[in-house]
Amino acid sequence: MSDLVAFSPAEASPLAWLAVPTLLAYWAGAIRLWQVGRGWSLGRTLLFTLGCVLWFLVCGLSLNAHANVLVSALLFQQITLMVVVPPFLLMGSPGRLLLSSVPHGGPGRWILRAALGGYRSRAAQLLLHPAAAIVIALLAFPGFYFSDGVSVVMATPGGHTLALLVFLLAGVIAGAPLWALDPLPRTPSYVVRLVDVVLEIQIHAIFGLILLLSTRSLFAWYAEDPPGWGMTRALDQAIAGGLIWSYGELPLLIVLIVTLSKWRTSDERRARRRRAEEDAELDEYNAYLAARYGTRTENVETDDSSASRL
């Protein structure tokens, strides 16, 4: 186990080092806002920092090298980059920070123009379509593994690093409608979010179950028993399936609970607003009746008193 968590720069993926400038750029934006007195949430900064640290560790520890011989190690990397890291990055609101901290003059003007262009593009609309998350889940797990695309990728020079990058980007795209605190060009309803989460949970569960129950090697690259680990390939695959069932499902279950809670809160807020509007309309109508018929009653009483005097 210590071999998996040891840090070795020589064995680290190039993708691990990309987390460092990403985090430094975020800190630079937050510090700039603090310096000019505009403020930036410390909580969001900590969330984004944690996401970058996890990103660096899962790609930088010696676990990265062992992914060549252990399918469970590769799957652990994939789950972390697709399901665990993106929520922290998205809840850090990097888009809002970018628009708030980048100067509007000089080179910053072109950065902002590119960011806004991407935000308003048709590609963003397409990637944030509710069906995109389901397609990504199908391609990233059953599609990638059961087509044995994993063997092709691992046999290609640089393929492992490219796969990790794709996993991370796919996780950010699929997780944006569920976790992002930035305004999105397309925000799905709570019903759609629930359907997406439930379907993803089912995809993960079926994929993990197949790995758990398989008694033979499923992938050409991982055909032989892993040398030096004292385990069979079937056990390695079973560990991978267990990771999917536990480590991979937990963030989705959290999303499910949070979405249900937000939906209930939204319905209660809408009901209170509707009752307030109805009460306001009723008060306005009562005021109208009081103003109209209250004056008429006073006139009647005045006429009666005049008649009595006569």
Foldseek 3Di string as FASTA:
>chain_A
DVQQQAFDQVQAFPQLVVLVVVLVVLVVLQVQCVVVPNHDDPVLNVLLVVLSVLRNRLRGGNLSVCVLAFVLSLLVLLLCLQQPSLLSNQSSQPVVSLVPRQDCDDPSVVVVVVSVCVQPDVVLVVLLPLCNLVVLLCCLFCVCPQVLVVVVQSVDVCSSSVNSVVSNVSSNSNCCLQRHPYDHPDHDDLVSLLVSLVSSLVSLLVRLVCLLPDPADNHPSNRAQRPPPPDGSSVSSNSSSVCSNPVNSVSSVVSNVVSVVVVVVVVVVVVVVVVVVVVVVVVVVVVVCCVVVVVVVVVVVVVVVVVVVD
